[in-house]
Amino acid sequence: MKENSITVEDTLSIDSFTFSQPKRLKSYIINSQAIKLTAIRHGLKLRSTFFSIKPDGNNLILSGRGYGHGVGMCQEGAMNMAKKGHSFDKIIKYYYTGIKIISLTEIIK
């Protein structure tokens, strides 16, 4: 695993970096400053912006929760459902409840 870093002010305590995402967010707020999660993702070469940060002694532990596009469908879960023989419409309706799947020809009419 490669280690990467982002420089921050020395005056902040390590506990200031605690960050949790119960749902996907766009920014990380620290010391009244908003940092785009995409900037952190690219700077640290992470696979996703869906992560949490927890202090551990003098270190920060980043725990990832996603690797996808952030649209609500788990790629691994959908792939496993497909391997078990579930149809595409059943998979889509599992992740996106309350939707109706229609043919493109119905829209073009």
PDB file of N, CA and C in Angstrom:
ATOM      1  N   MET A   1       0.847  -1.178   0.000  1.00  0.00           N
ATOM      2  CA  MET A   1       0.000   0.000   0.000  1.00  0.00           C
ATOM      3  C   MET A   1       0.887   1.233   0.000  1.00  0.00           C
ATOM      4  N   LYS A   2       0.625   2.155  -0.879  1.00  0.00           N
ATOM      5  CA  LYS A   2       1.390   3.394  -0.932  1.00  0.00           C
ATOM      6  C   LYS A   2       0.880   4.353   0.121  1.00  0.00           C
ATOM      7  N   GLU A   3       1.785   5.112   0.708  1.00  0.00           N
ATOM      8  CA  GLU A   3       1.386   6.133   1.669  1.00  0.00           C
ATOM      9  C   GLU A   3       1.457   7.487   0.990  1.00  0.00           C
ATOM     10  N   ASN A   4       0.449   8.283   1.196  1.00  0.00           N
ATOM     11  CA  ASN A   4       0.376   9.628   0.653  1.00  0.00           C
ATOM     12  C   ASN A   4       0.000  10.563   1.778  1.00  0.00           C
ATOM     13  N   SER A   5       0.166  11.846   1.544  1.00  0.00           N
ATOM     14  CA  SER A   5      -0.156  12.781   2.619  1.00  0.00           C
ATOM     15  C   SER A   5      -0.710  14.087   2.084  1.00  0.00           C
ATOM     16  N   ILE A   6      -1.400  14.786   2.970  1.00  0.00           N
ATOM     17  CA  ILE A   6      -1.883  16.139   2.726  1.00  0.00           C
ATOM     18  C   ILE A   6      -1.372  16.973   3.884  1.00  0.00           C
ATOM     19  N   THR A   7      -0.765  18.109   3.605  1.00  0.00           N
ATOM     20  CA  THR A   7      -0.217  18.966   4.651  1.00  0.00           C
ATOM     21  C   THR A   7      -1.328  19.763   5.318  1.00  0.00           C
ATOM     22  N   VAL A   8      -1.294  19.804   6.654  1.00  0.00           N
ATOM     23  CA  VAL A   8      -2.270  20.569   7.430  1.00  0.00           C
ATOM     24  C   VAL A   8      -1.533  21.382   8.483  1.00  0.00           C
ATOM     25  N   GLU A   9      -2.261  22.318   9.104  1.00  0.00           N
ATOM     26  CA  GLU A   9      -1.669  23.162  10.142  1.00  0.00           C
ATOM     27  C   GLU A   9      -1.224  22.335  11.338  1.00  0.00           C
ATOM     28  N   ASP A  10      -0.072  22.692  11.920  1.00  0.00           N
ATOM     29  CA  ASP A  10       0.439  21.999  13.102  1.00  0.00           C
ATOM     30  C   ASP A  10      -0.384  22.286  14.350  1.00  0.00           C
ATOM     31  N   THR A  11      -1.190  23.340  14.332  1.00  0.00           N
ATOM     32  CA  THR A  11      -1.937  23.737  15.530  1.00  0.00           C
ATOM     33  C   THR A  11      -3.159  22.863  15.793  1.00  0.00           C
ATOM     34  N   LEU A  12      -3.562  22.046  14.840  1.00  0.00           N
ATOM     35  CA  LEU A  12      -4.744  21.197  15.014  1.00  0.00           C
ATOM     36  C   LEU A  12      -4.381  19.922  15.765  1.00  0.00           C
ATOM     37  N   SER A  13      -5.259  19.509  16.683  1.00  0.00           N
ATOM     38  CA  SER A  13      -5.037  18.237  17.370  1.00  0.00           C
ATOM     39  C   SER A  13      -5.479  17.103  16.453  1.00  0.00           C
ATOM     40  N   ILE A  14      -4.936  15.943  16.691  1.00  0.00           N
ATOM     41  CA  ILE A  14      -5.283  14.795  15.848  1.00  0.00           C
ATOM     42  C   ILE A  14      -6.772  14.464  15.934  1.00  0.00           C
ATOM     43  N   ASP A  15      -7.394  14.742  17.083  1.00  0.00           N
ATOM     44  CA  ASP A  15      -8.831  14.481  17.241  1.00  0.00           C
ATOM     45  C   ASP A  15      -9.689  15.379  16.356  1.00  0.00           C
ATOM     46  N   SER A  16      -9.123  16.488  15.876  1.00  0.00           N
ATOM     47  CA  SER A  16      -9.852  17.399  14.985  1.00  0.00           C
ATOM     48  C   SER A  16     -10.198  16.743  13.655  1.00  0.00           C
ATOM     49  N   PHE A  17      -9.509  15.653  13.336  1.00  0.00           N
ATOM     50  CA  PHE A  17      -9.667  15.032  12.024  1.00  0.00           C
ATOM     51  C   PHE A  17     -10.745  13.953  11.970  1.00  0.00           C
ATOM     52  N   THR A  18     -11.427  13.695  13.087  1.00  0.00           N
ATOM     53  CA  THR A  18     -12.498  12.695  13.087  1.00  0.00           C
ATOM     54  C   THR A  18     -13.553  13.085  12.054  1.00  0.00           C
ATOM     55  N   PHE A  19     -13.915  12.135  11.207  1.00  0.00           N
ATOM     56  CA  PHE A  19     -14.848  12.406  10.116  1.00  0.00           C
ATOM     57  C   PHE A  19     -15.623  11.134   9.811  1.00  0.00           C
ATOM     58  N   SER A  20     -16.935  11.254   9.751  1.00  0.00           N
ATOM     59  CA  SER A  20     -17.786  10.106   9.463  1.00  0.00           C
ATOM     60  C   SER A  20     -18.809  10.499   8.409  1.00  0.00           C
ATOM     61  N   GLN A  21     -19.125   9.565   7.535  1.00  0.00           N
ATOM     62  CA  GLN A  21     -20.128   9.801   6.493  1.00  0.00           C
ATOM     63  C   GLN A  21     -21.252   8.779   6.625  1.00  0.00           C
ATOM     64  N   PRO A  22     -22.327   9.127   7.324  1.00  0.00           N
ATOM     65  CA  PRO A  22     -23.464   8.205   7.348  1.00  0.00           C
ATOM     66  C   PRO A  22     -24.083   8.061   5.957  1.00  0.00           C
ATOM     67  N   LYS A  23     -23.954   9.108   5.154  1.00  0.00           N
ATOM     68  CA  LYS A  23     -24.322   9.054   3.738  1.00  0.00           C
ATOM     69  C   LYS A  23     -23.240   9.827   2.996  1.00  0.00           C
ATOM     70  N   ARG A  24     -23.150   9.618   1.704  1.00  0.00           N
ATOM     71  CA  ARG A  24     -22.070  10.219   0.917  1.00  0.00           C
ATOM     72  C   ARG A  24     -22.163  11.747   0.935  1.00  0.00           C
ATOM     73  N   LEU A  25     -21.047  12.383   1.278  1.00  0.00           N
ATOM     74  CA  LEU A  25     -20.954  13.841   1.326  1.00  0.00           C
ATOM     75  C   LEU A  25     -20.037  14.346   0.220  1.00  0.00           C
ATOM     76  N   LYS A  26     -20.017  15.659   0.016  1.00  0.00           N
ATOM     77  CA  LYS A  26     -19.163  16.253  -1.012  1.00  0.00           C
ATOM     78  C   LYS A  26     -17.926  16.925  -0.440  1.00  0.00           C
ATOM     79  N   SER A  27     -18.002  17.354   0.834  1.00  0.00           N
ATOM     80  CA  SER A  27     -16.888  18.094   1.435  1.00  0.00           C
ATOM     81  C   SER A  27     -16.566  17.593   2.830  1.00  0.00           C
ATOM     82  N   TYR A  28     -15.328  17.830   3.226  1.00  0.00           N
ATOM     83  CA  TYR A  28     -14.825  17.533   4.558  1.00  0.00           C
ATOM     84  C   TYR A  28     -14.555  18.881   5.217  1.00  0.00           C
ATOM     85  N   ILE A  29     -15.203  19.143   6.342  1.00  0.00           N
ATOM     86  CA  ILE A  29     -15.042  20.426   7.031  1.00  0.00           C
ATOM     87  C   ILE A  29     -14.039  20.247   8.160  1.00  0.00           C
ATOM     88  N   ILE A  30     -12.975  21.034   8.129  1.00  0.00           N
ATOM     89  CA  ILE A  30     -11.991  21.022   9.206  1.00  0.00           C
ATOM     90  C   ILE A  30     -11.535  22.444   9.455  1.00  0.00           C
ATOM     91  N   ASN A  31     -11.544  22.834  10.729  1.00  0.00           N
ATOM     92  CA  ASN A  31     -11.105  24.173  11.111  1.00  0.00           C
ATOM     93  C   ASN A  31     -11.847  25.243  10.308  1.00  0.00           C
ATOM     94  N   SER A  32     -13.163  25.061  10.151  1.00  0.00           N
ATOM     95  CA  SER A  32     -14.048  25.977   9.412  1.00  0.00           C
ATOM     96  C   SER A  32     -13.708  26.091   7.932  1.00  0.00           C
ATOM     97  N   GLN A  33     -12.980  25.132   7.410  1.00  0.00           N
ATOM     98  CA  GLN A  33     -12.608  25.148   5.997  1.00  0.00           C
ATOM     99  C   GLN A  33     -13.173  23.899   5.322  1.00  0.00           C
ATOM    100  N   ALA A  34     -13.840  24.082   4.185  1.00  0.00           N
ATOM    101  CA  ALA A  34     -14.391  22.956   3.426  1.00  0.00           C
ATOM    102  C   ALA A  34     -13.370  22.504   2.389  1.00  0.00           C
ATOM    103  N   ILE A  35     -13.066  21.221   2.420  1.00  0.00           N
ATOM    104  CA  ILE A  35     -12.157  20.633   1.441  1.00  0.00           C
ATOM    105  C   ILE A  35     -12.968  19.614   0.652  1.00  0.00           C
ATOM    106  N   LYS A  36     -12.966  19.734  -0.663  1.00  0.00           N
ATOM    107  CA  LYS A  36     -13.717  18.789  -1.491  1.00  0.00           C
ATOM    108  C   LYS A  36     -13.149  17.386  -1.296  1.00  0.00           C
ATOM    109  N   LEU A  37     -14.049  16.433  -1.106  1.00  0.00           N
ATOM    110  CA  LEU A  37     -13.611  15.053  -0.916  1.00  0.00           C
ATOM    111  C   LEU A  37     -12.906  14.510  -2.154  1.00  0.00           C
ATOM    112  N   THR A  38     -13.258  15.027  -3.318  1.00  0.00           N
ATOM    113  CA  THR A  38     -12.557  14.591  -4.530  1.00  0.00           C
ATOM    114  C   THR A  38     -11.091  15.012  -4.488  1.00  0.00           C
ATOM    115  N   ALA A  39     -10.802  16.178  -3.892  1.00  0.00           N
ATOM    116  CA  ALA A  39      -9.410  16.627  -3.767  1.00  0.00           C
ATOM    117  C   ALA A  39      -8.632  15.702  -2.831  1.00  0.00           C
ATOM    118  N   ILE A  40      -9.263  15.308  -1.726  1.00  0.00           N
ATOM    119  CA  ILE A  40      -8.617  14.372  -0.798  1.00  0.00           C
ATOM    120  C   ILE A  40      -8.433  13.021  -1.476  1.00  0.00           C
ATOM    121  N   ARG A  41      -9.469  12.581  -2.170  1.00  0.00           N
ATOM    122  CA  ARG A  41      -9.399  11.291  -2.869  1.00  0.00           C
ATOM    123  C   ARG A  41      -8.235  11.258  -3.852  1.00  0.00           C
ATOM    124  N   HIS A  42      -8.120  12.296  -4.667  1.00  0.00           N
ATOM    125  CA  HIS A  42      -7.039  12.335  -5.652  1.00  0.00           C
ATOM    126  C   HIS A  42      -5.682  12.497  -4.975  1.00  0.00           C
ATOM    127  N   GLY A  43      -5.616  13.373  -3.953  1.00  0.00           N
ATOM    128  CA  GLY A  43      -4.352  13.616  -3.254  1.00  0.00           C
ATOM    129  C   GLY A  43      -3.801  12.390  -2.558  1.00  0.00           C
ATOM    130  N   LEU A  44      -4.687  11.574  -2.010  1.00  0.00           N
ATOM    131  CA  LEU A  44      -4.266  10.367  -1.299  1.00  0.00           C
ATOM    132  C   LEU A  44      -4.380   9.107  -2.152  1.00  0.00           C
ATOM    133  N   LYS A  45      -4.772   9.291  -3.406  1.00  0.00           N
ATOM    134  CA  LYS A  45      -4.939   8.178  -4.349  1.00  0.00           C
ATOM    135  C   LYS A  45      -5.898   7.109  -3.808  1.00  0.00           C
ATOM    136  N   LEU A  46      -7.047   7.572  -3.304  1.00  0.00           N
ATOM    137  CA  LEU A  46      -8.085   6.670  -2.814  1.00  0.00           C
ATOM    138  C   LEU A  46      -8.998   6.273  -3.964  1.00  0.00           C
ATOM    139  N   ARG A  47      -9.675   5.158  -3.836  1.00  0.00           N
ATOM    140  CA  ARG A  47     -10.581   4.691  -4.882  1.00  0.00           C
ATOM    141  C   ARG A  47     -11.940   5.362  -4.834  1.00  0.00           C
ATOM    142  N   SER A  48     -12.289   5.954  -3.691  1.00  0.00           N
ATOM    143  CA  SER A  48     -13.625   6.509  -3.522  1.00  0.00           C
ATOM    144  C   SER A  48     -13.592   7.695  -2.570  1.00  0.00           C
ATOM    145  N   THR A  49     -14.600   8.554  -2.674  1.00  0.00           N
ATOM    146  CA  THR A  49     -14.748   9.658  -1.719  1.00  0.00           C
ATOM    147  C   THR A  49     -15.575   9.229  -0.514  1.00  0.00           C
ATOM    148  N   PHE A  50     -16.045   8.002  -0.518  1.00  0.00           N
ATOM    149  CA  PHE A  50     -16.901   7.514   0.566  1.00  0.00           C
ATOM    150  C   PHE A  50     -16.034   6.828   1.624  1.00  0.00           C
ATOM    151  N   PHE A  51     -15.450   7.631   2.510  1.00  0.00           N
ATOM    152  CA  PHE A  51     -14.567   7.117   3.544  1.00  0.00           C
ATOM    153  C   PHE A  51     -14.810   7.854   4.848  1.00  0.00           C
ATOM    154  N   SER A  52     -14.297   7.283   5.922  1.00  0.00           N
ATOM    155  CA  SER A  52     -14.355   7.906   7.240  1.00  0.00           C
ATOM    156  C   SER A  52     -12.938   8.005   7.783  1.00  0.00           C
ATOM    157  N   ILE A  53     -12.724   8.931   8.719  1.00  0.00           N
ATOM    158  CA  ILE A  53     -11.406   9.137   9.317  1.00  0.00           C
ATOM    159  C   ILE A  53     -11.538   9.006  10.829  1.00  0.00           C
ATOM    160  N   LYS A  54     -10.626   8.230  11.420  1.00  0.00           N
ATOM    161  CA  LYS A  54     -10.634   8.043  12.868  1.00  0.00           C
ATOM    162  C   LYS A  54      -9.203   8.149  13.387  1.00  0.00           C
ATOM    163  N   PRO A  55      -8.960   9.001  14.410  1.00  0.00           N
ATOM    164  CA  PRO A  55      -7.625   9.075  14.998  1.00  0.00           C
ATOM    165  C   PRO A  55      -7.268   7.774  15.713  1.00  0.00           C
ATOM    166  N   ASP A  56      -5.993   7.399  15.633  1.00  0.00           N
ATOM    167  CA  ASP A  56      -5.479   6.221  16.329  1.00  0.00           C
ATOM    168  C   ASP A  56      -4.063   6.559  16.785  1.00  0.00           C
ATOM    169  N   GLY A  57      -3.946   7.072  18.009  1.00  0.00           N
ATOM    170  CA  GLY A  57      -2.645   7.551  18.481  1.00  0.00           C
ATOM    171  C   GLY A  57      -2.235   8.763  17.674  1.00  0.00           C
ATOM    172  N   ASN A  58      -1.062   8.696  17.047  1.00  0.00           N
ATOM    173  CA  ASN A  58      -0.585   9.789  16.191  1.00  0.00           C
ATOM    174  C   ASN A  58      -0.913   9.556  14.723  1.00  0.00           C
ATOM    175  N   ASN A  59      -1.724   8.564  14.451  1.00  0.00           N
ATOM    176  CA  ASN A  59      -2.084   8.229  13.075  1.00  0.00           C
ATOM    177  C   ASN A  59      -3.565   8.479  12.830  1.00  0.00           C
ATOM    178  N   LEU A  60      -3.910   8.572  11.566  1.00  0.00           N
ATOM    179  CA  LEU A  60      -5.309   8.661  11.155  1.00  0.00           C
ATOM    180  C   LEU A  60      -5.633   7.417  10.347  1.00  0.00           C
ATOM    181  N   ILE A  61      -6.714   6.758  10.699  1.00  0.00           N
ATOM    182  CA  ILE A  61      -7.154   5.564   9.980  1.00  0.00           C
ATOM    183  C   ILE A  61      -8.283   5.968   9.036  1.00  0.00           C
ATOM    184  N   LEU A  62      -8.090   5.734   7.743  1.00  0.00           N
ATOM    185  CA  LEU A  62      -9.130   5.984   6.750  1.00  0.00           C
ATOM    186  C   LEU A  62      -9.785   4.655   6.421  1.00  0.00           C
ATOM    187  N   SER A  63     -11.094   4.594   6.577  1.00  0.00           N
ATOM    188  CA  SER A  63     -11.853   3.383   6.269  1.00  0.00           C
ATOM    189  C   SER A  63     -12.768   3.671   5.095  1.00  0.00           C
ATOM    190  N   GLY A  64     -12.565   2.942   4.007  1.00  0.00           N
ATOM    191  CA  GLY A  64     -13.375   3.138   2.814  1.00  0.00           C
ATOM    192  C   GLY A  64     -14.689   2.407   2.893  1.00  0.00           C
ATOM    193  N   ARG A  65     -15.700   2.994   2.280  1.00  0.00           N
ATOM    194  CA  ARG A  65     -17.028   2.385   2.266  1.00  0.00           C
ATOM    195  C   ARG A  65     -17.553   2.216   0.854  1.00  0.00           C
ATOM    196  N   GLY A  66     -16.791   2.572  -0.124  1.00  0.00           N
ATOM    197  CA  GLY A  66     -17.325   2.472  -1.470  1.00  0.00           C
ATOM    198  C   GLY A  66     -16.243   2.476  -2.513  1.00  0.00           C
ATOM    199  N   TYR A  67     -16.587   1.957  -3.643  1.00  0.00           N
ATOM    200  CA  TYR A  67     -15.710   2.026  -4.802  1.00  0.00           C
ATOM    201  C   TYR A  67     -16.641   1.997  -5.997  1.00  0.00           C
ATOM    202  N   GLY A  68     -17.112   3.137  -6.353  1.00  0.00           N
ATOM    203  CA  GLY A  68     -18.077   3.199  -7.445  1.00  0.00           C
ATOM    204  C   GLY A  68     -18.355   4.633  -7.822  1.00  0.00           C
ATOM    205  N   HIS A  69     -19.538   4.857  -8.313  1.00  0.00           N
ATOM    206  CA  HIS A  69     -19.902   6.168  -8.839  1.00  0.00           C
ATOM    207  C   HIS A  69     -20.775   6.976  -7.891  1.00  0.00           C
ATOM    208  N   GLY A  70     -21.148   6.390  -6.780  1.00  0.00           N
ATOM    209  CA  GLY A  70     -21.959   7.112  -5.805  1.00  0.00           C
ATOM    210  C   GLY A  70     -23.409   7.286  -6.202  1.00  0.00           C
ATOM    211  N   VAL A  71     -23.915   6.364  -7.015  1.00  0.00           N
ATOM    212  CA  VAL A  71     -25.301   6.482  -7.460  1.00  0.00           C
ATOM    213  C   VAL A  71     -26.227   5.481  -6.774  1.00  0.00           C
ATOM    214  N   GLY A  72     -25.701   4.711  -5.825  1.00  0.00           N
ATOM    215  CA  GLY A  72     -26.559   3.846  -5.036  1.00  0.00           C
ATOM    216  C   GLY A  72     -26.552   2.373  -5.380  1.00  0.00           C
ATOM    217  N   MET A  73     -25.820   1.958  -6.384  1.00  0.00           N
ATOM    218  CA  MET A  73     -25.764   0.539  -6.719  1.00  0.00           C
ATOM    219  C   MET A  73     -24.373   0.006  -6.388  1.00  0.00           C
ATOM    220  N   CYS A  74     -24.323  -1.029  -5.588  1.00  0.00           N
ATOM    221  CA  CYS A  74     -23.060  -1.680  -5.252  1.00  0.00           C
ATOM    222  C   CYS A  74     -22.649  -2.563  -6.425  1.00  0.00           C
ATOM    223  N   GLN A  75     -21.501  -2.272  -7.009  1.00  0.00           N
ATOM    224  CA  GLN A  75     -21.057  -3.037  -8.170  1.00  0.00           C
ATOM    225  C   GLN A  75     -20.836  -4.509  -7.834  1.00  0.00           C
ATOM    226  N   GLU A  76     -20.215  -4.767  -6.682  1.00  0.00           N
ATOM    227  CA  GLU A  76     -19.976  -6.153  -6.268  1.00  0.00           C
ATOM    228  C   GLU A  76     -21.297  -6.876  -5.996  1.00  0.00           C
ATOM    229  N   GLY A  77     -22.210  -6.196  -5.295  1.00  0.00           N
ATOM    230  CA  GLY A  77     -23.504  -6.802  -4.988  1.00  0.00           C
ATOM    231  C   GLY A  77     -24.301  -7.117  -6.239  1.00  0.00           C
ATOM    232  N   ALA A  78     -24.326  -6.186  -7.182  1.00  0.00           N
ATOM    233  CA  ALA A  78     -25.052  -6.399  -8.439  1.00  0.00           C
ATOM    234  C   ALA A  78     -24.430  -7.548  -9.227  1.00  0.00           C
ATOM    235  N   MET A  79     -23.099  -7.603  -9.234  1.00  0.00           N
ATOM    236  CA  MET A  79     -22.411  -8.672  -9.950  1.00  0.00           C
ATOM    237  C   MET A  79     -22.724 -10.037  -9.315  1.00  0.00           C
ATOM    238  N   ASN A  80     -22.743 -10.089  -7.994  1.00  0.00           N
ATOM    239  CA  ASN A  80     -23.070 -11.350  -7.318  1.00  0.00           C
ATOM    240  C   ASN A  80     -24.512 -11.769  -7.571  1.00  0.00           C
ATOM    241  N   MET A  81     -25.428 -10.810  -7.607  1.00  0.00           N
ATOM    242  CA  MET A  81     -26.825 -11.136  -7.925  1.00  0.00           C
ATOM    243  C   MET A  81     -26.922 -11.707  -9.341  1.00  0.00           C
ATOM    244  N   ALA A  82     -26.181 -11.105 -10.277  1.00  0.00           N
ATOM    245  CA  ALA A  82     -26.194 -11.586 -11.662  1.00  0.00           C
ATOM    246  C   ALA A  82     -25.625 -13.003 -11.745  1.00  0.00           C
ATOM    247  N   LYS A  83     -24.546 -13.268 -10.999  1.00  0.00           N
ATOM    248  CA  LYS A  83     -23.948 -14.612 -10.995  1.00  0.00           C
ATOM    249  C   LYS A  83     -24.912 -15.652 -10.440  1.00  0.00           C
ATOM    250  N   LYS A  84     -25.809 -15.222  -9.550  1.00  0.00           N
ATOM    251  CA  LYS A  84     -26.810 -16.131  -8.979  1.00  0.00           C
ATOM    252  C   LYS A  84     -28.024 -16.288  -9.889  1.00  0.00           C
ATOM    253  N   GLY A  85     -27.998 -15.605 -11.048  1.00  0.00           N
ATOM    254  CA  GLY A  85     -29.063 -15.770 -12.023  1.00  0.00           C
ATOM    255  C   GLY A  85     -30.170 -14.735 -11.986  1.00  0.00           C
ATOM    256  N   HIS A  86     -30.035 -13.705 -11.162  1.00  0.00           N
ATOM    257  CA  HIS A  86     -31.064 -12.665 -11.121  1.00  0.00           C
ATOM    258  C   HIS A  86     -31.029 -11.851 -12.415  1.00  0.00           C
ATOM    259  N   SER A  87     -32.188 -11.473 -12.911  1.00  0.00           N
ATOM    260  CA  SER A  87     -32.280 -10.687 -14.145  1.00  0.00           C
ATOM    261  C   SER A  87     -31.877  -9.237 -13.879  1.00  0.00           C
ATOM    262  N   PHE A  88     -31.533  -8.518 -14.949  1.00  0.00           N
ATOM    263  CA  PHE A  88     -31.108  -7.128 -14.801  1.00  0.00           C
ATOM    264  C   PHE A  88     -32.187  -6.276 -14.148  1.00  0.00           C
ATOM    265  N   ASP A  89     -33.466  -6.526 -14.521  1.00  0.00           N
ATOM    266  CA  ASP A  89     -34.529  -5.694 -13.956  1.00  0.00           C
ATOM    267  C   ASP A  89     -34.733  -5.969 -12.464  1.00  0.00           C
ATOM    268  N   LYS A  90     -34.543  -7.215 -12.047  1.00  0.00           N
ATOM    269  CA  LYS A  90     -34.655  -7.527 -10.619  1.00  0.00           C
ATOM    270  C   LYS A  90     -33.513  -6.849  -9.847  1.00  0.00           C
ATOM    271  N   ILE A  91     -32.321  -6.859 -10.414  1.00  0.00           N
ATOM    272  CA  ILE A  91     -31.165  -6.223  -9.765  1.00  0.00           C
ATOM    273  C   ILE A  91     -31.393  -4.722  -9.646  1.00  0.00           C
ATOM    274  N   ILE A  92     -31.820  -4.080 -10.716  1.00  0.00           N
ATOM    275  CA  ILE A  92     -32.048  -2.632 -10.704  1.00  0.00           C
ATOM    276  C   ILE A  92     -33.143  -2.268  -9.706  1.00  0.00           C
ATOM    277  N   LYS A  93     -34.233  -3.034  -9.694  1.00  0.00           N
ATOM    278  CA  LYS A  93     -35.330  -2.743  -8.762  1.00  0.00           C
ATOM    279  C   LYS A  93     -34.935  -2.995  -7.306  1.00  0.00           C
ATOM    280  N   TYR A  94     -33.964  -3.869  -7.081  1.00  0.00           N
ATOM    281  CA  TYR A  94     -33.469  -4.103  -5.725  1.00  0.00           C
ATOM    282  C   TYR A  94     -32.769  -2.845  -5.193  1.00  0.00           C
ATOM    283  N   TYR A  95     -31.959  -2.222  -6.027  1.00  0.00           N
ATOM    284  CA  TYR A  95     -31.199  -1.037  -5.607  1.00  0.00           C
ATOM    285  C   TYR A  95     -31.999   0.259  -5.705  1.00  0.00           C
ATOM    286  N   TYR A  96     -32.907   0.335  -6.647  1.00  0.00           N
ATOM    287  CA  TYR A  96     -33.694   1.554  -6.862  1.00  0.00           C
ATOM    288  C   TYR A  96     -35.173   1.212  -6.697  1.00  0.00           C
ATOM    289  N   THR A  97     -35.630   1.239  -5.460  1.00  0.00           N
ATOM    290  CA  THR A  97     -37.009   0.840  -5.168  1.00  0.00           C
ATOM    291  C   THR A  97     -38.010   1.868  -5.698  1.00  0.00           C
ATOM    292  N   GLY A  98     -39.167   1.367  -6.078  1.00  0.00           N
ATOM    293  CA  GLY A  98     -40.241   2.239  -6.531  1.00  0.00           C
ATOM    294  C   GLY A  98     -40.097   2.741  -7.953  1.00  0.00           C
ATOM    295  N   ILE A  99     -39.200   2.149  -8.727  1.00  0.00           N
ATOM    296  CA  ILE A  99     -39.025   2.609 -10.109  1.00  0.00           C
ATOM    297  C   ILE A  99     -39.823   1.729 -11.069  1.00  0.00           C
ATOM    298  N   LYS A 100     -40.024   2.235 -12.264  1.00  0.00           N
ATOM    299  CA  LYS A 100     -40.667   1.471 -13.329  1.00  0.00           C
ATOM    300  C   LYS A 100     -39.694   1.446 -14.502  1.00  0.00           C
ATOM    301  N   ILE A 101     -39.397   0.274 -14.984  1.00  0.00           N
ATOM    302  CA  ILE A 101     -38.493   0.129 -16.123  1.00  0.00           C
ATOM    303  C   ILE A 101     -39.337   0.069 -17.385  1.00  0.00           C
ATOM    304  N   ILE A 102     -39.020   0.946 -18.332  1.00  0.00           N
ATOM    305  CA  ILE A 102     -39.754   0.965 -19.602  1.00  0.00           C
ATOM    306  C   ILE A 102     -38.763   0.890 -20.754  1.00  0.00           C
ATOM    307  N   SER A 103     -39.270   0.531 -21.898  1.00  0.00           N
ATOM    308  CA  SER A 103     -38.461   0.431 -23.102  1.00  0.00           C
ATOM    309  C   SER A 103     -38.175   1.825 -23.657  1.00  0.00           C
ATOM    310  N   LEU A 104     -37.026   1.994 -24.241  1.00  0.00           N
ATOM    311  CA  LEU A 104     -36.668   3.263 -24.873  1.00  0.00           C
ATOM    312  C   LEU A 104     -37.669   3.625 -25.968  1.00  0.00           C
ATOM    313  N   THR A 105     -38.220   2.625 -26.628  1.00  0.00           N
ATOM    314  CA  THR A 105     -39.201   2.904 -27.689  1.00  0.00           C
ATOM    315  C   THR A 105     -40.461   3.566 -27.134  1.00  0.00           C
ATOM    316  N   GLU A 106     -40.793   3.314 -25.867  1.00  0.00           N
ATOM    317  CA  GLU A 106     -41.946   3.978 -25.248  1.00  0.00           C
ATOM    318  C   GLU A 106     -41.691   5.471 -25.064  1.00  0.00           C
ATOM    319  N   ILE A 107     -40.465   5.845 -24.850  1.00  0.00           N
ATOM    320  CA  ILE A 107     -40.111   7.258 -24.659  1.00  0.00           C
ATOM    321  C   ILE A 107     -40.079   7.988 -25.998  1.00  0.00           C
ATOM    322  N   ILE A 108     -39.574   7.324 -27.015  1.00  0.00           N
ATOM    323  CA  ILE A 108     -39.391   7.940 -28.334  1.00  0.00           C
ATOM    324  C   ILE A 108     -40.715   8.143 -29.062  1.00  0.00           C
ATOM    325  N   LYS A 109     -41.726   7.336 -28.765  1.00  0.00           N
ATOM    326  CA  LYS A 109     -43.020   7.431 -29.461  1.00  0.00           C
ATOM    327  C   LYS A 109     -43.556   8.829 -29.475  1.00  0.00           C
TER     328      LYS A 109
END
